[in-house]
């Protein structure tokens, strides 16, 4: 029986981004599968009942909210360190890359990617400086280090000089709600998100590394070559006014879980051209819905796509992406083939498998105490 504290600061109701969703899906399964262990979820804001995962877990809120670099240090190095000692924790688990540098407790840490090491210009300077100063320390202090893909494992190993074999992989997965839509519901999605038109979709944060401009350029070229589908962009609209030409583009903002499934499953294809990904969850979500994928040929994306299940292009190759979209429009057999291949590939990922791998990594760490 172990006492395990969990970093829960990214469990925010209605705002589960990629890492937050990973945290939610893994924590709820781990807590249920380990009834003899006691868990403490540590939040930096008032906990929601949505994240009450079982009778063997309780929640606590520690001040201050960790939303700025200097507050990250204060929260993890002092508030967390104090709570781990006060609660007599055997282990601390963190899924967002941060751990406590001042605690002697065993710590399992999941670092999803280290894009900031290669492209600090993608972040506000104070965040880039903080991440590049702290993450090497977090990685080396971790009792057990995990990540989400073979690409990220190799990148972390090379950049931080850590034995690659010591880093466990816990992949992301699509939720079970992502599945193909019948034609009537697909038509409803078109009406709701694209004024009744067929559409391709992008899902993700509106961030420089997501290559929004490149994706919009690919869509523009696609339309100029005779493509008829619109483009639906799911994500915050912070750059909307800065984009050059957004004809036939629908910015739908952040969606709830049901709306997200509807938007993805109703699409003709996923257009996903980031410069850098540690995993790329929208890829497997689209595949689970039978939606063909056109994606970047960079970083972890080919690994996640799994061979022929997606069309891969350079993120700067607007014409190549446009031609891939047109082929799906014009060749129904190809569209059906990619749909079936994607469904098969997505089935290789599940949150049950990932939670099992997570629990194995936790056991490995606990066995060495």
Protein backbone atom coordinates (compact mmCIF):
# COMPACT_ATOMS: atom_id res chain seq x y z
CA UNK A 1 0.00 0.00 0.00
CA UNK A 2 1.51 3.30 -1.14
CA UNK A 3 0.62 6.92 -0.54
CA UNK A 4 0.81 8.64 -3.93
CA UNK A 5 0.36 12.38 -4.50
CA UNK A 6 -0.68 13.54 -7.96
CA UNK A 7 -0.09 16.90 -9.65
CA UNK A 8 -3.64 17.85 -10.70
CA UNK A 9 -3.21 21.52 -11.60
CA UNK A 10 -4.19 21.01 -15.26
CA UNK A 11 -7.49 19.32 -14.38
CA UNK A 12 -9.65 22.34 -15.20
CA UNK A 13 -13.38 21.74 -15.89
CA UNK A 14 -14.29 22.47 -19.49
CA UNK A 15 -10.70 23.36 -20.39
CA UNK A 16 -8.86 20.07 -20.72
CA UNK A 17 -6.14 20.66 -23.30
CA UNK A 18 -3.81 17.90 -24.51
CA UNK A 19 -1.83 17.41 -21.31
CA UNK A 20 -4.89 17.96 -19.13
CA UNK A 21 -6.81 15.31 -21.05
CA UNK A 22 -3.88 12.88 -20.76
CA UNK A 23 -3.85 13.56 -17.01
CA UNK A 24 -7.59 13.00 -16.62
CA UNK A 25 -7.73 9.81 -18.66
CA UNK A 26 -4.74 8.23 -16.93
CA UNK A 27 -5.42 9.32 -13.35
CA UNK A 28 -9.01 8.07 -13.24
CA UNK A 29 -7.97 4.64 -14.48
CA UNK A 30 -4.87 4.35 -12.29
CA UNK A 31 -6.79 5.26 -9.14
CA UNK A 32 -9.51 2.72 -9.95
CA UNK A 33 -7.01 -0.03 -10.77
CA UNK A 34 -5.00 0.44 -7.56
CA UNK A 35 -7.59 0.19 -4.74
CA UNK A 36 -4.95 -0.63 -2.13
CA UNK A 37 -3.08 2.62 -2.72
CA UNK A 38 -4.11 6.02 -1.35
CA UNK A 39 -4.04 9.04 -3.66
CA UNK A 40 -3.94 12.78 -3.04
CA UNK A 41 -4.77 15.02 -6.00
CA UNK A 42 -3.07 18.39 -5.55
CA UNK A 43 -4.73 21.34 -7.33
CA UNK A 44 -3.73 24.99 -7.51
CA UNK A 45 -7.37 26.13 -7.65
CA UNK A 46 -10.61 24.87 -6.14
CA UNK A 47 -11.03 21.19 -7.13
CA UNK A 48 -14.08 20.18 -9.16
CA UNK A 49 -16.24 17.19 -8.26
CA UNK A 50 -15.73 16.14 -11.89
CA UNK A 51 -12.30 14.91 -10.83
CA UNK A 52 -13.39 12.85 -7.82
CA UNK A 53 -11.99 9.54 -9.03
CA UNK A 54 -12.73 7.15 -6.19
CA UNK A 55 -13.00 6.49 -2.48
CA UNK A 56 -9.23 5.91 -2.28
CA UNK A 57 -8.50 9.48 -3.44
CA UNK A 58 -8.90 12.92 -1.89
CA UNK A 59 -8.19 16.41 -3.20
CA UNK A 60 -6.48 19.49 -1.82
CA UNK A 61 -5.83 22.99 -3.15
CA UNK A 62 -2.42 24.58 -2.55
CA UNK A 63 -1.78 28.31 -2.88
CA UNK A 64 -0.63 30.09 -5.03
CA UNK A 65 -2.06 29.25 -8.48
CA UNK A 66 0.92 28.22 -10.62
CA UNK A 67 0.43 30.16 -13.85
CA UNK A 68 3.66 32.18 -14.18
CA UNK A 69 7.33 31.11 -14.14
CA UNK A 70 8.15 32.44 -10.67
CA UNK A 71 4.92 30.93 -9.34
CA UNK A 72 5.87 27.55 -10.85
CA UNK A 73 8.99 27.58 -8.67
CA UNK A 74 7.07 28.67 -5.59
CA UNK A 75 4.33 26.07 -6.04
CA UNK A 76 6.44 23.03 -6.94
CA UNK A 77 9.59 23.70 -4.91
CA UNK A 78 7.93 24.95 -1.73
CA UNK A 79 4.16 24.30 -1.56
CA UNK A 80 4.39 20.82 -3.09
CA UNK A 81 7.53 19.91 -1.13
CA UNK A 82 5.81 20.92 2.11
CA UNK A 83 2.63 18.98 1.29
CA UNK A 84 4.49 15.82 0.34
CA UNK A 85 6.30 15.85 3.67
CA UNK A 86 3.19 16.80 5.67
CA UNK A 87 1.07 14.07 4.00
CA UNK A 88 3.92 11.52 4.29
CA UNK A 89 3.81 10.71 0.59
CA UNK A 90 5.71 7.75 -0.78
CA UNK A 91 5.67 9.16 -4.30
CA UNK A 92 4.72 12.20 -6.36
CA UNK A 93 3.40 11.89 -9.91
CA UNK A 94 3.43 14.80 -12.35
CA UNK A 95 2.10 14.70 -15.91
CA UNK A 96 3.12 18.19 -17.07
CA UNK A 97 6.91 17.96 -16.84
CA UNK A 98 7.28 19.82 -13.52
CA UNK A 99 8.44 18.26 -10.27
CA UNK A 100 9.67 19.56 -6.93
CA UNK A 101 13.42 20.16 -6.84
CA UNK A 102 13.33 20.48 -3.03
CA UNK A 103 11.57 17.22 -2.18
CA UNK A 104 13.30 13.94 -1.37
CA UNK A 105 10.18 11.94 -2.27
CA UNK A 106 10.37 9.64 -5.31
CA UNK A 107 8.92 11.44 -8.33
CA UNK A 108 7.51 10.09 -11.60
CA UNK A 109 7.54 12.77 -14.28
CA UNK A 110 5.94 12.83 -17.75
CA UNK A 111 7.58 15.27 -20.18
CA UNK A 112 5.51 15.34 -23.37
CA UNK A 113 8.00 17.19 -25.56
CA UNK A 114 10.79 19.76 -25.36
CA UNK A 115 9.96 21.96 -28.36
CA UNK A 116 11.21 25.01 -26.42
CA UNK A 117 14.77 23.64 -26.50
CA UNK A 118 14.77 23.80 -30.30
CA UNK A 119 12.48 26.77 -30.95
CA UNK A 120 12.43 29.16 -27.96
CA UNK A 121 11.08 31.85 -30.30
CA UNK A 122 7.71 30.09 -30.23
CA UNK A 123 7.19 31.12 -26.60
CA UNK A 124 7.14 34.41 -24.69
CA UNK A 125 10.79 35.03 -23.69
CA UNK A 126 10.26 34.65 -19.94
CA UNK A 127 8.59 31.25 -20.42
CA UNK A 128 11.25 30.06 -22.87
CA UNK A 129 14.04 31.05 -20.46
CA UNK A 130 12.29 29.35 -17.56
CA UNK A 131 11.60 26.10 -19.42
CA UNK A 132 15.14 25.86 -20.78
CA UNK A 133 16.61 26.46 -17.31
CA UNK A 134 14.30 24.15 -15.37
CA UNK A 135 13.42 21.18 -17.56
CA UNK A 136 16.96 19.73 -17.68
CA UNK A 137 16.87 19.83 -13.86
CA UNK A 138 13.40 18.23 -13.71
CA UNK A 139 14.40 15.49 -16.15
CA UNK A 140 17.57 14.55 -14.28
CA UNK A 141 16.02 14.68 -10.81
CA UNK A 142 13.02 12.51 -11.76
CA UNK A 143 13.11 9.09 -10.14
CA UNK A 144 11.21 7.77 -13.15
CA UNK A 145 10.96 9.68 -16.43
CA UNK A 146 8.24 9.05 -19.01
CA UNK A 147 7.13 10.56 -22.30
CA UNK A 148 4.51 9.98 -25.01
CA UNK A 149 6.39 8.84 -28.13
CA UNK A 150 9.60 7.26 -29.39
CA UNK A 151 10.48 10.60 -30.96
CA UNK A 152 10.20 12.46 -27.65
CA UNK A 153 12.13 9.73 -25.83
CA UNK A 154 15.04 10.09 -28.24
CA UNK A 155 14.88 13.87 -28.17
CA UNK A 156 14.87 14.05 -24.37
CA UNK A 157 17.67 11.47 -24.15
CA UNK A 158 19.93 13.31 -26.60
CA UNK A 159 19.21 16.81 -25.34
CA UNK A 160 19.47 16.09 -21.61
CA UNK A 161 22.02 13.24 -21.79
CA UNK A 162 19.75 10.68 -20.13
CA UNK A 163 19.85 6.95 -20.89
CA UNK A 164 17.09 6.38 -23.44
CA UNK A 165 16.33 2.91 -22.07
CA UNK A 166 15.40 4.44 -18.70
CA UNK A 167 12.59 6.54 -20.23
CA UNK A 168 9.19 4.82 -20.48
CA UNK A 169 6.64 5.61 -23.20
CA UNK A 170 3.00 6.24 -22.29
CA UNK A 171 1.23 7.23 -25.52
CA UNK A 172 -1.84 9.39 -25.85
CA UNK A 173 -5.05 7.85 -27.20
CA UNK A 174 -8.44 8.80 -28.63
CA UNK A 175 -11.43 8.80 -26.33
CA UNK A 176 -13.95 6.03 -27.04
CA UNK A 177 -16.46 8.67 -28.15
CA UNK A 178 -14.46 9.28 -31.35
CA UNK A 179 -16.05 7.02 -33.96
CA UNK A 180 -17.48 7.33 -37.49
CA UNK A 181 -20.72 9.25 -38.01
CA UNK A 182 -23.69 8.10 -40.05
CA UNK A 183 -24.48 10.34 -43.02
CA UNK A 184 -27.34 12.17 -41.29
CA UNK A 185 -25.13 13.25 -38.40
CA UNK A 186 -22.34 14.18 -40.80
CA UNK A 187 -24.74 16.51 -42.58
CA UNK A 188 -25.71 18.00 -39.21
CA UNK A 189 -22.03 18.69 -38.50
CA UNK A 190 -21.68 20.46 -41.84
CA UNK A 191 -24.66 22.66 -41.06
CA UNK A 192 -23.40 23.47 -37.56
CA UNK A 193 -19.75 24.14 -38.34
CA UNK A 194 -19.47 25.02 -42.05
CA UNK A 195 -22.76 26.60 -43.16
CA UNK A 196 -23.82 23.29 -44.69
CA UNK A 197 -20.67 22.83 -46.78
CA UNK A 198 -18.28 19.89 -46.86
CA UNK A 199 -15.18 20.72 -44.85
CA UNK A 200 -11.71 19.69 -43.80
CA UNK A 201 -10.80 20.25 -40.16
CA UNK A 202 -7.89 21.33 -37.99
CA UNK A 203 -7.89 20.82 -34.21
CA UNK A 204 -5.32 22.38 -31.89
CA UNK A 205 -4.15 25.42 -30.03
CA UNK A 206 -3.55 28.51 -32.17
CA UNK A 207 0.18 28.57 -31.56
CA UNK A 208 3.22 29.26 -33.80
CA UNK A 209 4.38 25.65 -33.74
CA UNK A 210 0.99 24.53 -35.10
CA UNK A 211 1.80 26.31 -38.38
CA UNK A 212 -1.62 27.93 -38.78
CA UNK A 213 -0.41 30.23 -41.53
CA UNK A 214 1.01 27.31 -43.48
CA UNK A 215 -2.22 25.38 -43.10
CA UNK A 216 -4.29 28.35 -44.30
CA UNK A 217 -1.98 28.73 -47.27
CA UNK A 218 -2.43 25.04 -48.12
CA UNK A 219 -6.20 25.51 -47.94
CA UNK A 220 -5.98 28.54 -50.22
CA UNK A 221 -3.94 26.58 -52.78
CA UNK A 222 -6.39 23.68 -52.52
CA UNK A 223 -9.31 25.97 -53.32
CA UNK A 224 -7.41 27.55 -56.22
CA UNK A 225 -6.86 24.05 -57.67
CA UNK A 226 -10.57 23.30 -57.70
CA UNK A 227 -11.15 21.98 -54.18
CA UNK A 228 -14.65 22.61 -52.86
CA UNK A 229 -14.39 21.84 -49.13
CA UNK A 230 -14.25 24.62 -46.55
CA UNK A 231 -11.83 24.59 -43.61
CA UNK A 232 -13.03 24.42 -40.00
CA UNK A 233 -10.49 25.47 -37.35
CA UNK A 234 -11.15 24.28 -33.80
CA UNK A 235 -9.16 26.29 -31.27
CA UNK A 236 -8.80 29.72 -29.71
CA UNK A 237 -9.18 32.66 -32.12
CA UNK A 238 -6.28 34.76 -30.84
CA UNK A 239 -4.65 35.18 -34.25
CA UNK A 240 -7.80 35.38 -36.34
CA UNK A 241 -7.43 39.04 -37.32
CA UNK A 242 -3.78 38.56 -38.32
CA UNK A 243 -4.41 35.89 -40.94
CA UNK A 244 -4.04 36.90 -44.57
CA UNK A 245 -6.91 35.24 -46.47
CA UNK A 246 -9.54 33.29 -44.59
CA UNK A 247 -12.17 32.85 -47.30
CA UNK A 248 -14.13 29.62 -46.79
CA UNK A 249 -12.61 29.26 -43.31
CA UNK A 250 -14.77 28.82 -40.21
CA UNK A 251 -13.22 29.64 -36.83
CA UNK A 252 -15.36 27.80 -34.27
CA UNK A 253 -13.23 28.39 -31.16
CA UNK A 254 -13.01 25.97 -28.26
CA UNK A 255 -15.63 23.20 -28.32
CA UNK A 256 -16.96 20.93 -25.59
CA UNK A 257 -16.26 17.20 -25.85
CA UNK A 258 -19.43 16.27 -27.74
CA UNK A 259 -19.03 19.17 -30.18
CA UNK A 260 -15.39 18.24 -30.78
CA UNK A 261 -16.32 14.68 -31.73
CA UNK A 262 -19.03 16.00 -34.06
CA UNK A 263 -16.67 18.50 -35.71
CA UNK A 264 -13.93 15.92 -36.28
CA UNK A 265 -16.15 13.02 -37.36
CA UNK A 266 -18.10 15.24 -39.76
CA UNK A 267 -14.99 16.28 -41.70
CA UNK A 268 -13.83 15.03 -45.07
CA UNK A 269 -10.20 15.07 -43.88
CA UNK A 270 -7.96 16.31 -41.06
CA UNK A 271 -5.43 18.89 -42.25
CA UNK A 272 -2.69 18.90 -39.63
CA UNK A 273 0.64 20.55 -40.49
CA UNK A 274 2.50 21.45 -37.26
CA UNK A 275 6.21 22.10 -37.25
CA UNK A 276 6.69 20.13 -34.03
CA UNK A 277 4.68 17.59 -32.01
CA UNK A 278 5.48 15.29 -29.13
CA UNK A 279 2.51 13.15 -30.19
CA UNK A 280 -0.37 14.83 -32.06
CA UNK A 281 -3.61 13.63 -30.44
CA UNK A 282 -5.94 15.03 -33.16
CA UNK A 283 -4.38 12.53 -35.58
CA UNK A 284 -5.60 9.45 -33.71
CA UNK A 285 -8.92 11.12 -32.87
CA UNK A 286 -9.59 11.74 -36.57
CA UNK A 287 -8.45 8.23 -37.50
CA UNK A 288 -10.81 6.73 -34.92
CA UNK A 289 -13.64 8.58 -36.69
CA UNK A 290 -12.62 7.19 -40.07
CA UNK A 291 -11.47 10.64 -41.21
CA UNK A 292 -8.40 10.51 -43.51
CA UNK A 293 -5.37 12.48 -42.33
CA UNK A 294 -2.99 14.81 -44.18
CA UNK A 295 -0.18 15.58 -41.74
CA UNK A 296 3.38 16.87 -41.42
CA UNK A 297 6.28 14.52 -42.02
CA UNK A 298 8.16 15.91 -39.01
CA UNK A 299 9.00 14.98 -35.39
CA UNK A 300 6.61 12.39 -33.86
CA UNK A 301 3.89 12.65 -36.49
CA UNK A 302 5.02 9.88 -38.90
CA UNK A 303 5.42 7.56 -35.89
CA UNK A 304 1.89 8.26 -34.68
CA UNK A 305 0.38 8.02 -38.17
CA UNK A 306 1.87 4.57 -38.63
CA UNK A 307 3.02 4.14 -42.19
CA UNK A 308 0.42 4.29 -44.97
CA UNK A 309 -2.53 5.30 -42.76
CA UNK A 310 -1.98 9.01 -43.53
CA UNK A 311 -0.62 11.22 -46.30
CA UNK A 312 2.55 12.92 -45.04
CA UNK A 313 3.90 16.18 -46.47
CA UNK A 314 6.40 18.82 -45.45
CA UNK A 315 4.69 21.43 -43.25
CA UNK A 316 5.95 24.08 -45.68
CA UNK A 317 4.68 22.27 -48.80
CA UNK A 318 1.33 23.98 -49.37
CA UNK A 319 0.99 22.51 -52.85
CA UNK A 320 1.71 18.98 -51.64
CA UNK A 321 -0.93 19.26 -48.91
CA UNK A 322 -3.42 20.73 -51.38
CA UNK A 323 -2.82 17.90 -53.85
CA UNK A 324 -3.32 15.32 -51.09
CA UNK A 325 -6.67 16.91 -50.20
CA UNK A 326 -7.71 16.94 -53.86
CA UNK A 327 -6.88 13.25 -54.27
CA UNK A 328 -9.20 12.44 -51.38
CA UNK A 329 -11.92 14.57 -52.99
CA UNK A 330 -11.58 12.95 -56.40
CA UNK A 331 -10.88 9.31 -55.52
CA UNK A 332 -13.62 7.75 -53.38
CA UNK A 333 -11.77 4.43 -53.23
CA UNK A 334 -8.67 6.17 -51.86
CA UNK A 335 -10.78 8.03 -49.29
CA UNK A 336 -12.37 4.76 -48.17
CA UNK A 337 -9.00 2.99 -48.02
CA UNK A 338 -7.44 5.74 -45.87
CA UNK A 339 -10.52 5.76 -43.66
CA UNK A 340 -10.23 2.03 -42.98
CA UNK A 341 -6.46 2.20 -42.46
CA UNK A 342 -6.92 5.06 -40.00
CA UNK A 343 -9.55 3.21 -37.98
CA UNK A 344 -7.22 0.22 -37.76
CA UNK A 345 -4.28 2.40 -36.70
CA UNK A 346 -6.30 4.29 -34.06
CA UNK A 347 -7.41 0.99 -32.53
CA UNK A 348 -3.78 0.37 -31.54
CA UNK A 349 -4.09 3.21 -29.00
CA UNK A 350 -6.37 3.19 -25.96
CA UNK A 351 -6.42 4.93 -22.61
CA UNK A 352 -6.70 1.52 -20.94
CA UNK A 353 -3.38 0.47 -22.48
CA UNK A 354 -1.77 3.79 -21.62
CA UNK A 355 -2.98 3.70 -18.02
CA UNK A 356 -1.58 0.17 -17.70
CA UNK A 357 1.81 1.37 -18.96
CA UNK A 358 1.60 4.30 -16.54
CA UNK A 359 0.89 1.94 -13.64
CA UNK A 360 3.81 -0.27 -14.68
CA UNK A 361 6.15 2.73 -14.64
CA UNK A 362 4.84 3.67 -11.21
CA UNK A 363 5.42 0.14 -9.93
CA UNK A 364 8.96 0.20 -11.33
CA UNK A 365 9.68 3.36 -9.36
CA UNK A 366 8.00 2.16 -6.15
CA UNK A 367 9.89 -1.14 -6.26
CA UNK A 368 13.14 0.76 -5.85
CA UNK A 369 12.10 2.61 -2.67
